[in-house]
Full PDB file with SEQRES, HELIX, SHEET, SSBOND, CRYST1, ORIGX, SCALE, CONECT and MASTER records, all heavy atoms in Angstrom:
SEQRES   1 A   37  SER ALA GLU LEU GLY VAL ALA PHE HIS LEU GLY TYR ALA          
SEQRES   2 A   37  GLU ARG THR PRO GLU GLY ARG HIS PHE ASN THR ALA ILE          
SEQRES   3 A   37  PHE VAL GLU ALA GLY ARG ILE VAL GLY LYS TYR                  
SHEET    1 AA1 3 PHE A   8  ARG A  15  0                                        
SHEET    2 AA1 3 HIS A  21  GLU A  29 -1                                        
SHEET    3 AA1 3 ARG A  32  LYS A  36 -1                                        
CRYST1    1.000    1.000    1.000  90.00  90.00  90.00 P 1           1          
ORIGX1      1.000000  0.000000  0.000000        0.00000                         
ORIGX2      0.000000  1.000000  0.000000        0.00000                         
ORIGX3      0.000000  0.000000  1.000000        0.00000                         
SCALE1      1.000000  0.000000  0.000000        0.00000                         
SCALE2      0.000000  1.000000  0.000000        0.00000                         
SCALE3      0.000000  0.000000  1.000000        0.00000                         
ATOM      1  N   SER A   1     -59.923-148.308 246.806  1.00  0.00           N  
ATOM      2  CA  SER A   1     -59.956-146.904 247.129  1.00  0.00           C  
ATOM      3  C   SER A   1     -60.435-146.619 248.408  1.00  0.00           C  
ATOM      4  O   SER A   1     -59.978-145.779 249.254  1.00  0.00           O  
ATOM      5  CB  SER A   1     -60.560-146.100 245.945  1.00  0.00           C  
ATOM      6  OG  SER A   1     -60.692-144.724 246.334  1.00  0.00           O  
ATOM      7  N   ALA A   2     -61.755-147.183 248.694  1.00  0.00           N  
ATOM      8  CA  ALA A   2     -62.347-146.885 249.948  1.00  0.00           C  
ATOM      9  C   ALA A   2     -61.670-147.571 251.117  1.00  0.00           C  
ATOM     10  O   ALA A   2     -61.486-147.066 252.221  1.00  0.00           O  
ATOM     11  CB  ALA A   2     -63.752-147.481 249.890  1.00  0.00           C  
ATOM     12  N   GLU A   3     -61.096-148.819 250.819  1.00  0.00           N  
ATOM     13  CA  GLU A   3     -60.391-149.511 251.890  1.00  0.00           C  
ATOM     14  C   GLU A   3     -59.204-148.704 252.424  1.00  0.00           C  
ATOM     15  O   GLU A   3     -58.789-148.589 253.502  1.00  0.00           O  
ATOM     16  CB  GLU A   3     -59.988-150.876 251.481  1.00  0.00           C  
ATOM     17  CG  GLU A   3     -59.112-151.666 252.320  1.00  0.00           C  
ATOM     18  CD  GLU A   3     -58.506-152.909 251.741  1.00  0.00           C  
ATOM     19  OE1 GLU A   3     -59.128-153.390 250.798  1.00  0.00           O  
ATOM     20  OE2 GLU A   3     -57.471-153.314 252.049  1.00  0.00           O  
ATOM     21  N   LEU A   4     -58.406-148.188 251.294  1.00  0.00           N  
ATOM     22  CA  LEU A   4     -57.068-147.482 251.614  1.00  0.00           C  
ATOM     23  C   LEU A   4     -57.250-145.971 252.037  1.00  0.00           C  
ATOM     24  O   LEU A   4     -56.314-145.425 252.583  1.00  0.00           O  
ATOM     25  CB  LEU A   4     -56.176-147.644 250.376  1.00  0.00           C  
ATOM     26  CG  LEU A   4     -55.638-149.015 250.073  1.00  0.00           C  
ATOM     27  CD1 LEU A   4     -54.892-148.922 248.892  1.00  0.00           C  
ATOM     28  CD2 LEU A   4     -55.106-149.758 251.205  1.00  0.00           C  
ATOM     29  N   GLY A   5     -58.392-145.575 251.702  1.00  0.00           N  
ATOM     30  CA  GLY A   5     -58.585-144.062 251.878  1.00  0.00           C  
ATOM     31  C   GLY A   5     -57.900-143.237 250.956  1.00  0.00           C  
ATOM     32  O   GLY A   5     -57.425-142.105 251.174  1.00  0.00           O  
ATOM     33  N   VAL A   6     -57.803-143.768 249.689  1.00  0.00           N  
ATOM     34  CA  VAL A   6     -57.047-143.032 248.585  1.00  0.00           C  
ATOM     35  C   VAL A   6     -58.036-142.672 247.539  1.00  0.00           C  
ATOM     36  O   VAL A   6     -58.726-143.656 246.941  1.00  0.00           O  
ATOM     37  CB  VAL A   6     -56.035-143.905 247.989  1.00  0.00           C  
ATOM     38  CG1 VAL A   6     -55.332-143.205 246.736  1.00  0.00           C  
ATOM     39  CG2 VAL A   6     -54.808-144.275 249.042  1.00  0.00           C  
ATOM     40  N   ALA A   7     -58.247-141.400 247.287  1.00  0.00           N  
ATOM     41  CA  ALA A   7     -59.105-140.969 246.044  1.00  0.00           C  
ATOM     42  C   ALA A   7     -58.322-141.195 244.787  1.00  0.00           C  
ATOM     43  O   ALA A   7     -57.105-141.344 244.734  1.00  0.00           O  
ATOM     44  CB  ALA A   7     -59.444-139.497 246.144  1.00  0.00           C  
ATOM     45  N   PHE A   8     -59.084-141.396 243.569  1.00  0.00           N  
ATOM     46  CA  PHE A   8     -58.367-141.492 242.377  1.00  0.00           C  
ATOM     47  C   PHE A   8     -59.177-140.927 241.246  1.00  0.00           C  
ATOM     48  O   PHE A   8     -60.411-140.675 241.235  1.00  0.00           O  
ATOM     49  CB  PHE A   8     -58.209-143.062 242.168  1.00  0.00           C  
ATOM     50  CG  PHE A   8     -59.442-143.780 241.910  1.00  0.00           C  
ATOM     51  CD1 PHE A   8     -59.898-144.032 240.563  1.00  0.00           C  
ATOM     52  CD2 PHE A   8     -60.082-144.383 242.923  1.00  0.00           C  
ATOM     53  CE1 PHE A   8     -61.107-144.633 240.371  1.00  0.00           C  
ATOM     54  CE2 PHE A   8     -61.303-145.161 242.632  1.00  0.00           C  
ATOM     55  CZ  PHE A   8     -61.720-145.321 241.367  1.00  0.00           C  
ATOM     56  N   HIS A   9     -58.380-140.485 240.273  1.00  0.00           N  
ATOM     57  CA  HIS A   9     -58.914-139.975 238.892  1.00  0.00           C  
ATOM     58  C   HIS A   9     -58.710-141.043 237.897  1.00  0.00           C  
ATOM     59  O   HIS A   9     -57.644-141.814 237.906  1.00  0.00           O  
ATOM     60  CB  HIS A   9     -58.032-138.874 238.431  1.00  0.00           C  
ATOM     61  CG  HIS A   9     -58.005-138.425 237.098  1.00  0.00           C  
ATOM     62  ND1 HIS A   9     -57.344-139.083 236.075  1.00  0.00           N  
ATOM     63  CD2 HIS A   9     -58.715-137.383 236.494  1.00  0.00           C  
ATOM     64  CE1 HIS A   9     -57.686-138.570 234.862  1.00  0.00           C  
ATOM     65  NE2 HIS A   9     -58.294-137.537 235.079  1.00  0.00           N  
ATOM     66  N   LEU A  10     -59.760-141.403 237.141  1.00  0.00           N  
ATOM     67  CA  LEU A  10     -59.789-142.400 236.158  1.00  0.00           C  
ATOM     68  C   LEU A  10     -60.273-141.952 234.863  1.00  0.00           C  
ATOM     69  O   LEU A  10     -61.348-141.419 234.787  1.00  0.00           O  
ATOM     70  CB  LEU A  10     -60.478-143.640 236.529  1.00  0.00           C  
ATOM     71  CG  LEU A  10     -60.604-144.826 235.610  1.00  0.00           C  
ATOM     72  CD1 LEU A  10     -59.343-145.586 235.567  1.00  0.00           C  
ATOM     73  CD2 LEU A  10     -61.585-145.735 236.144  1.00  0.00           C  
ATOM     74  N   GLY A  11     -59.526-142.215 233.739  1.00  0.00           N  
ATOM     75  CA  GLY A  11     -60.064-141.917 232.321  1.00  0.00           C  
ATOM     76  C   GLY A  11     -60.602-143.142 231.691  1.00  0.00           C  
ATOM     77  O   GLY A  11     -59.969-144.286 231.682  1.00  0.00           O  
ATOM     78  N   TYR A  12     -61.722-143.132 230.860  1.00  0.00           N  
ATOM     79  CA  TYR A  12     -62.367-144.206 230.250  1.00  0.00           C  
ATOM     80  C   TYR A  12     -63.324-143.693 229.119  1.00  0.00           C  
ATOM     81  O   TYR A  12     -63.773-142.526 229.062  1.00  0.00           O  
ATOM     82  CB  TYR A  12     -63.040-145.159 231.257  1.00  0.00           C  
ATOM     83  CG  TYR A  12     -64.360-144.542 231.881  1.00  0.00           C  
ATOM     84  CD1 TYR A  12     -65.553-144.757 231.457  1.00  0.00           C  
ATOM     85  CD2 TYR A  12     -64.171-143.587 232.964  1.00  0.00           C  
ATOM     86  CE1 TYR A  12     -66.705-144.126 231.928  1.00  0.00           C  
ATOM     87  CE2 TYR A  12     -65.353-143.031 233.563  1.00  0.00           C  
ATOM     88  CZ  TYR A  12     -66.636-143.232 233.032  1.00  0.00           C  
ATOM     89  OH  TYR A  12     -67.617-142.725 233.623  1.00  0.00           O  
ATOM     90  N   ALA A  13     -63.687-144.651 228.303  1.00  0.00           N  
ATOM     91  CA  ALA A  13     -64.758-144.455 227.236  1.00  0.00           C  
ATOM     92  C   ALA A  13     -66.071-144.694 227.815  1.00  0.00           C  
ATOM     93  O   ALA A  13     -66.435-145.779 228.162  1.00  0.00           O  
ATOM     94  CB  ALA A  13     -64.340-145.240 226.014  1.00  0.00           C  
ATOM     95  N   GLU A  14     -66.960-143.710 227.745  1.00  0.00           N  
ATOM     96  CA  GLU A  14     -68.239-143.748 228.296  1.00  0.00           C  
ATOM     97  C   GLU A  14     -69.320-143.839 227.327  1.00  0.00           C  
ATOM     98  O   GLU A  14     -69.410-142.936 226.304  1.00  0.00           O  
ATOM     99  CB  GLU A  14     -68.503-142.511 229.191  1.00  0.00           C  
ATOM    100  CG  GLU A  14     -69.868-142.370 229.796  1.00  0.00           C  
ATOM    101  CD  GLU A  14     -70.266-141.060 230.434  1.00  0.00           C  
ATOM    102  OE1 GLU A  14     -69.382-140.099 230.096  1.00  0.00           O  
ATOM    103  OE2 GLU A  14     -71.235-141.019 231.032  1.00  0.00           O  
ATOM    104  N   ARG A  15     -70.277-144.697 227.407  1.00  0.00           N  
ATOM    105  CA  ARG A  15     -71.479-144.684 226.539  1.00  0.00           C  
ATOM    106  C   ARG A  15     -72.619-144.486 227.593  1.00  0.00           C  
ATOM    107  O   ARG A  15     -72.819-145.295 228.492  1.00  0.00           O  
ATOM    108  CB  ARG A  15     -71.653-145.969 225.873  1.00  0.00           C  
ATOM    109  CG  ARG A  15     -72.917-145.938 224.977  1.00  0.00           C  
ATOM    110  CD  ARG A  15     -72.973-147.090 223.894  1.00  0.00           C  
ATOM    111  NE  ARG A  15     -73.212-148.385 224.512  1.00  0.00           N  
ATOM    112  CZ  ARG A  15     -74.380-148.943 224.799  1.00  0.00           C  
ATOM    113  NH1 ARG A  15     -75.423-148.225 224.661  1.00  0.00           N  
ATOM    114  NH2 ARG A  15     -74.404-150.084 225.277  1.00  0.00           N  
ATOM    115  N   THR A  16     -73.366-143.397 227.335  1.00  0.00           N  
ATOM    116  CA  THR A  16     -74.503-143.129 228.304  1.00  0.00           C  
ATOM    117  C   THR A  16     -75.745-143.933 227.903  1.00  0.00           C  
ATOM    118  O   THR A  16     -75.839-144.662 226.919  1.00  0.00           O  
ATOM    119  CB  THR A  16     -74.875-141.534 228.018  1.00  0.00           C  
ATOM    120  OG1 THR A  16     -75.496-141.444 226.860  1.00  0.00           O  
ATOM    121  CG2 THR A  16     -73.543-140.716 228.038  1.00  0.00           C  
ATOM    122  N   PRO A  17     -76.662-143.940 228.855  1.00  0.00           N  
ATOM    123  CA  PRO A  17     -77.985-144.645 228.580  1.00  0.00           C  
ATOM    124  C   PRO A  17     -78.624-144.350 227.318  1.00  0.00           C  
ATOM    125  O   PRO A  17     -79.382-145.003 226.799  1.00  0.00           O  
ATOM    126  CB  PRO A  17     -78.756-144.419 229.843  1.00  0.00           C  
ATOM    127  CG  PRO A  17     -77.774-144.126 230.990  1.00  0.00           C  
ATOM    128  CD  PRO A  17     -76.696-143.335 230.225  1.00  0.00           C  
ATOM    129  N   GLU A  18     -78.431-143.010 226.933  1.00  0.00           N  
ATOM    130  CA  GLU A  18     -79.147-142.502 225.773  1.00  0.00           C  
ATOM    131  C   GLU A  18     -78.182-142.811 224.476  1.00  0.00           C  
ATOM    132  O   GLU A  18     -78.713-142.532 223.437  1.00  0.00           O  
ATOM    133  CB  GLU A  18     -79.229-140.974 225.872  1.00  0.00           C  
ATOM    134  CG  GLU A  18     -79.976-140.317 226.898  1.00  0.00           C  
ATOM    135  CD  GLU A  18     -79.287-140.553 228.206  1.00  0.00           C  
ATOM    136  OE1 GLU A  18     -78.032-140.344 228.258  1.00  0.00           O  
ATOM    137  OE2 GLU A  18     -79.987-140.651 229.395  1.00  0.00           O  
ATOM    138  N   GLY A  19     -77.140-143.615 224.661  1.00  0.00           N  
ATOM    139  CA  GLY A  19     -76.403-143.921 223.503  1.00  0.00           C  
ATOM    140  C   GLY A  19     -75.266-142.908 223.029  1.00  0.00           C  
ATOM    141  O   GLY A  19     -74.747-143.035 221.870  1.00  0.00           O  
ATOM    142  N   ARG A  20     -75.057-141.963 223.829  1.00  0.00           N  
ATOM    143  CA  ARG A  20     -74.046-140.997 223.533  1.00  0.00           C  
ATOM    144  C   ARG A  20     -72.669-141.383 223.932  1.00  0.00           C  
ATOM    145  O   ARG A  20     -72.445-142.285 224.921  1.00  0.00           O  
ATOM    146  CB  ARG A  20     -74.236-139.600 224.246  1.00  0.00           C  
ATOM    147  CG  ARG A  20     -75.610-139.067 223.795  1.00  0.00           C  
ATOM    148  CD  ARG A  20     -75.935-137.821 224.507  1.00  0.00           C  
ATOM    149  NE  ARG A  20     -75.115-136.678 223.775  1.00  0.00           N  
ATOM    150  CZ  ARG A  20     -75.018-135.493 224.438  1.00  0.00           C  
ATOM    151  NH1 ARG A  20     -75.670-135.060 225.472  1.00  0.00           N  
ATOM    152  NH2 ARG A  20     -74.252-134.594 223.731  1.00  0.00           N  
ATOM    153  N   HIS A  21     -71.574-141.052 223.255  1.00  0.00           N  
ATOM    154  CA  HIS A  21     -70.296-141.463 223.552  1.00  0.00           C  
ATOM    155  C   HIS A  21     -69.332-140.324 223.829  1.00  0.00           C  
ATOM    156  O   HIS A  21     -69.166-139.429 223.034  1.00  0.00           O  
ATOM    157  CB  HIS A  21     -69.741-142.333 222.220  1.00  0.00           C  
ATOM    158  CG  HIS A  21     -70.556-143.438 221.842  1.00  0.00           C  
ATOM    159  ND1 HIS A  21     -71.650-143.401 221.269  1.00  0.00           N  
ATOM    160  CD2 HIS A  21     -70.303-144.760 222.165  1.00  0.00           C  
ATOM    161  CE1 HIS A  21     -72.152-144.553 221.079  1.00  0.00           C  
ATOM    162  NE2 HIS A  21     -71.358-145.511 221.635  1.00  0.00           N  
ATOM    163  N   PHE A  22     -68.530-140.554 225.040  1.00  0.00           N  
ATOM    164  CA  PHE A  22     -67.591-139.451 225.418  1.00  0.00           C  
ATOM    165  C   PHE A  22     -66.320-140.156 225.919  1.00  0.00           C  
ATOM    166  O   PHE A  22     -66.208-141.257 226.314  1.00  0.00           O  
ATOM    167  CB  PHE A  22     -68.244-138.683 226.557  1.00  0.00           C  
ATOM    168  CG  PHE A  22     -69.430-137.946 226.317  1.00  0.00           C  
ATOM    169  CD1 PHE A  22     -70.770-138.432 226.622  1.00  0.00           C  
ATOM    170  CD2 PHE A  22     -69.443-136.716 225.663  1.00  0.00           C  
ATOM    171  CE1 PHE A  22     -71.875-137.822 226.251  1.00  0.00           C  
ATOM    172  CE2 PHE A  22     -70.614-136.083 225.309  1.00  0.00           C  
ATOM    173  CZ  PHE A  22     -71.830-136.538 225.564  1.00  0.00           C  
ATOM    174  N   ASN A  23     -65.308-139.210 225.725  1.00  0.00           N  
ATOM    175  CA  ASN A  23     -63.903-139.583 226.407  1.00  0.00           C  
ATOM    176  C   ASN A  23     -64.044-138.904 227.679  1.00  0.00           C  
ATOM    177  O   ASN A  23     -63.899-137.657 227.958  1.00  0.00           O  
ATOM    178  CB  ASN A  23     -62.753-138.993 225.539  1.00  0.00           C  
ATOM    179  CG  ASN A  23     -61.471-139.481 225.963  1.00  0.00           C  
ATOM    180  OD1 ASN A  23     -61.307-139.795 227.101  1.00  0.00           O  
ATOM    181  ND2 ASN A  23     -60.479-139.408 225.112  1.00  0.00           N  
ATOM    182  N   THR A  24     -64.162-139.611 228.804  1.00  0.00           N  
ATOM    183  CA  THR A  24     -64.543-139.263 230.134  1.00  0.00           C  
ATOM    184  C   THR A  24     -63.460-139.428 231.189  1.00  0.00           C  
ATOM    185  O   THR A  24     -62.702-140.439 231.112  1.00  0.00           O  
ATOM    186  CB  THR A  24     -65.821-139.941 230.441  1.00  0.00           C  
ATOM    187  OG1 THR A  24     -66.856-139.549 229.548  1.00  0.00           O  
ATOM    188  CG2 THR A  24     -66.344-139.654 231.958  1.00  0.00           C  
ATOM    189  N   ALA A  25     -63.468-138.655 232.268  1.00  0.00           N  
ATOM    190  CA  ALA A  25     -62.658-138.921 233.463  1.00  0.00           C  
ATOM    191  C   ALA A  25     -63.491-138.624 234.589  1.00  0.00           C  
ATOM    192  O   ALA A  25     -64.417-137.733 234.639  1.00  0.00           O  
ATOM    193  CB  ALA A  25     -61.459-137.885 233.442  1.00  0.00           C  
ATOM    194  N   ILE A  26     -63.300-139.290 235.608  1.00  0.00           N  
ATOM    195  CA  ILE A  26     -64.048-139.303 236.882  1.00  0.00           C  
ATOM    196  C   ILE A  26     -63.099-139.070 238.115  1.00  0.00           C  
ATOM    197  O   ILE A  26     -61.991-139.538 237.922  1.00  0.00           O  
ATOM    198  CB  ILE A  26     -64.948-140.470 237.140  1.00  0.00           C  
ATOM    199  CG1 ILE A  26     -64.248-141.705 237.075  1.00  0.00           C  
ATOM    200  CG2 ILE A  26     -66.148-140.280 236.259  1.00  0.00           C  
ATOM    201  CD1 ILE A  26     -65.036-142.939 237.563  1.00  0.00           C  
ATOM    202  N   PHE A  27     -63.590-138.397 239.135  1.00  0.00           N  
ATOM    203  CA  PHE A  27     -62.750-138.437 240.400  1.00  0.00           C  
ATOM    204  C   PHE A  27     -63.612-139.125 241.370  1.00  0.00           C  
ATOM    205  O   PHE A  27     -64.866-138.682 241.598  1.00  0.00           O  
ATOM    206  CB  PHE A  27     -62.594-136.939 240.790  1.00  0.00           C  
ATOM    207  CG  PHE A  27     -61.618-136.924 242.103  1.00  0.00           C  
ATOM    208  CD1 PHE A  27     -60.382-137.181 242.027  1.00  0.00           C  
ATOM    209  CD2 PHE A  27     -62.277-136.527 243.239  1.00  0.00           C  
ATOM    210  CE1 PHE A  27     -59.607-137.070 243.110  1.00  0.00           C  
ATOM    211  CE2 PHE A  27     -61.394-136.548 244.403  1.00  0.00           C  
ATOM    212  CZ  PHE A  27     -60.084-136.754 244.357  1.00  0.00           C  
ATOM    213  N   VAL A  28     -62.952-140.161 242.084  1.00  0.00           N  
ATOM    214  CA  VAL A  28     -63.569-140.987 243.041  1.00  0.00           C  
ATOM    215  C   VAL A  28     -63.060-140.760 244.471  1.00  0.00           C  
ATOM    216  O   VAL A  28     -61.785-140.778 244.595  1.00  0.00           O  
ATOM    217  CB  VAL A  28     -63.480-142.446 242.561  1.00  0.00           C  
ATOM    218  CG1 VAL A  28     -64.291-143.378 243.725  1.00  0.00           C  
ATOM    219  CG2 VAL A  28     -64.160-142.683 241.234  1.00  0.00           C  
ATOM    220  N   GLU A  29     -63.873-140.436 245.412  1.00  0.00           N  
ATOM    221  CA  GLU A  29     -63.294-140.299 246.767  1.00  0.00           C  
ATOM    222  C   GLU A  29     -64.393-141.149 247.695  1.00  0.00           C  
ATOM    223  O   GLU A  29     -65.604-140.988 247.522  1.00  0.00           O  
ATOM    224  CB  GLU A  29     -63.465-138.829 247.231  1.00  0.00           C  
ATOM    225  CG  GLU A  29     -62.895-138.547 248.609  1.00  0.00           C  
ATOM    226  CD  GLU A  29     -62.676-137.126 248.965  1.00  0.00           C  
ATOM    227  OE1 GLU A  29     -63.240-136.371 248.101  1.00  0.00           O  
ATOM    228  OE2 GLU A  29     -62.114-136.727 249.912  1.00  0.00           O  
ATOM    229  N   ALA A  30     -63.778-141.892 248.554  1.00  0.00           N  
ATOM    230  CA  ALA A  30     -64.472-142.756 249.616  1.00  0.00           C  
ATOM    231  C   ALA A  30     -65.529-143.801 248.798  1.00  0.00           C  
ATOM    232  O   ALA A  30     -66.684-143.953 249.234  1.00  0.00           O  
ATOM    233  CB  ALA A  30     -65.310-141.865 250.472  1.00  0.00           C  
ATOM    234  N   GLY A  31     -65.135-144.098 247.668  1.00  0.00           N  
ATOM    235  CA  GLY A  31     -65.779-145.133 246.880  1.00  0.00           C  
ATOM    236  C   GLY A  31     -66.962-144.428 246.109  1.00  0.00           C  
ATOM    237  O   GLY A  31     -67.843-145.182 245.498  1.00  0.00           O  
ATOM    238  N   ARG A  32     -67.042-143.177 246.118  1.00  0.00           N  
ATOM    239  CA  ARG A  32     -68.232-142.483 245.425  1.00  0.00           C  
ATOM    240  C   ARG A  32     -67.602-141.362 244.357  1.00  0.00           C  
ATOM    241  O   ARG A  32     -66.616-140.802 244.608  1.00  0.00           O  
ATOM    242  CB  ARG A  32     -68.951-141.702 246.476  1.00  0.00           C  
ATOM    243  CG  ARG A  32     -70.192-141.057 245.868  1.00  0.00           C  
ATOM    244  CD  ARG A  32     -71.059-140.529 247.025  1.00  0.00           C  
ATOM    245  NE  ARG A  32     -70.308-139.560 247.903  1.00  0.00           N  
ATOM    246  CZ  ARG A  32     -70.266-138.139 247.523  1.00  0.00           C  
ATOM    247  NH1 ARG A  32     -70.975-137.782 246.512  1.00  0.00           N  
ATOM    248  NH2 ARG A  32     -69.692-137.309 248.360  1.00  0.00           N  
ATOM    249  N   ILE A  33     -68.258-141.397 243.117  1.00  0.00           N  
ATOM    250  CA  ILE A  33     -67.795-140.387 242.174  1.00  0.00           C  
ATOM    251  C   ILE A  33     -68.365-139.021 242.591  1.00  0.00           C  
ATOM    252  O   ILE A  33     -69.504-138.848 242.760  1.00  0.00           O  
ATOM    253  CB  ILE A  33     -68.527-140.783 240.772  1.00  0.00           C  
ATOM    254  CG1 ILE A  33     -67.872-142.232 240.234  1.00  0.00           C  
ATOM    255  CG2 ILE A  33     -68.187-139.686 239.738  1.00  0.00           C  
ATOM    256  CD1 ILE A  33     -68.625-142.709 239.211  1.00  0.00           C  
ATOM    257  N   VAL A  34     -67.291-138.188 242.734  1.00  0.00           N  
ATOM    258  CA  VAL A  34     -67.656-136.782 243.130  1.00  0.00           C  
ATOM    259  C   VAL A  34     -67.331-135.809 242.059  1.00  0.00           C  
ATOM    260  O   VAL A  34     -67.752-134.608 242.245  1.00  0.00           O  
ATOM    261  CB  VAL A  34     -66.984-136.338 244.532  1.00  0.00           C  
ATOM    262  CG1 VAL A  34     -67.413-137.319 245.568  1.00  0.00           C  
ATOM    263  CG2 VAL A  34     -65.455-136.430 244.311  1.00  0.00           C  
ATOM    264  N   GLY A  35     -66.768-136.123 241.054  1.00  0.00           N  
ATOM    265  CA  GLY A  35     -66.448-135.146 240.002  1.00  0.00           C  
ATOM    266  C   GLY A  35     -66.315-135.977 238.575  1.00  0.00           C  
ATOM    267  O   GLY A  35     -65.992-137.046 238.613  1.00  0.00           O  
ATOM    268  N   LYS A  36     -66.819-135.389 237.502  1.00  0.00           N  
ATOM    269  CA  LYS A  36     -66.846-135.912 236.215  1.00  0.00           C  
ATOM    270  C   LYS A  36     -66.512-134.760 235.179  1.00  0.00           C  
ATOM    271  O   LYS A  36     -66.968-133.657 235.307  1.00  0.00           O  
ATOM    272  CB  LYS A  36     -68.157-136.468 235.994  1.00  0.00           C  
ATOM    273  CG  LYS A  36     -68.255-137.369 234.703  1.00  0.00           C  
ATOM    274  CD  LYS A  36     -69.621-138.108 234.694  1.00  0.00           C  
ATOM    275  CE  LYS A  36     -69.591-139.319 233.610  1.00  0.00           C  
ATOM    276  NZ  LYS A  36     -70.836-139.931 233.546  1.00  0.00           N  
ATOM    277  N   TYR A  37     -65.799-135.266 234.093  1.00  0.00           N  
ATOM    278  CA  TYR A  37     -65.449-134.336 233.077  1.00  0.00           C  
ATOM    279  C   TYR A  37     -65.476-135.194 231.750  1.00  0.00           C  
ATOM    280  O   TYR A  37     -65.153-136.323 231.738  1.00  0.00           O  
ATOM    281  CB  TYR A  37     -63.914-133.785 233.171  1.00  0.00           C  
ATOM    282  CG  TYR A  37     -63.556-133.069 231.950  1.00  0.00           C  
ATOM    283  CD1 TYR A  37     -64.086-131.852 231.561  1.00  0.00           C  
ATOM    284  CD2 TYR A  37     -62.489-133.486 231.158  1.00  0.00           C  
ATOM    285  CE1 TYR A  37     -63.623-131.080 230.533  1.00  0.00           C  
ATOM    286  CE2 TYR A  37     -62.115-132.861 230.056  1.00  0.00           C  
ATOM    287  CZ  TYR A  37     -62.583-131.641 229.722  1.00  0.00           C  
ATOM    288  OH  TYR A  37     -62.338-130.987 228.523  1.00  0.00           O  
TER     289      TYR A  37                                                      
MASTER        0    0    0    0    3    0    0    6  288    1    0    3          
END                                                                             
């Protein structure tokens, strides 16, 4: 993504450091997460 200059949205199953579980999506721009749902 960073190499091509293409941002992306990705969905995945997230387990937090506290042990919570979410169905999550992130938006990544320039290799960095800038949005989360």
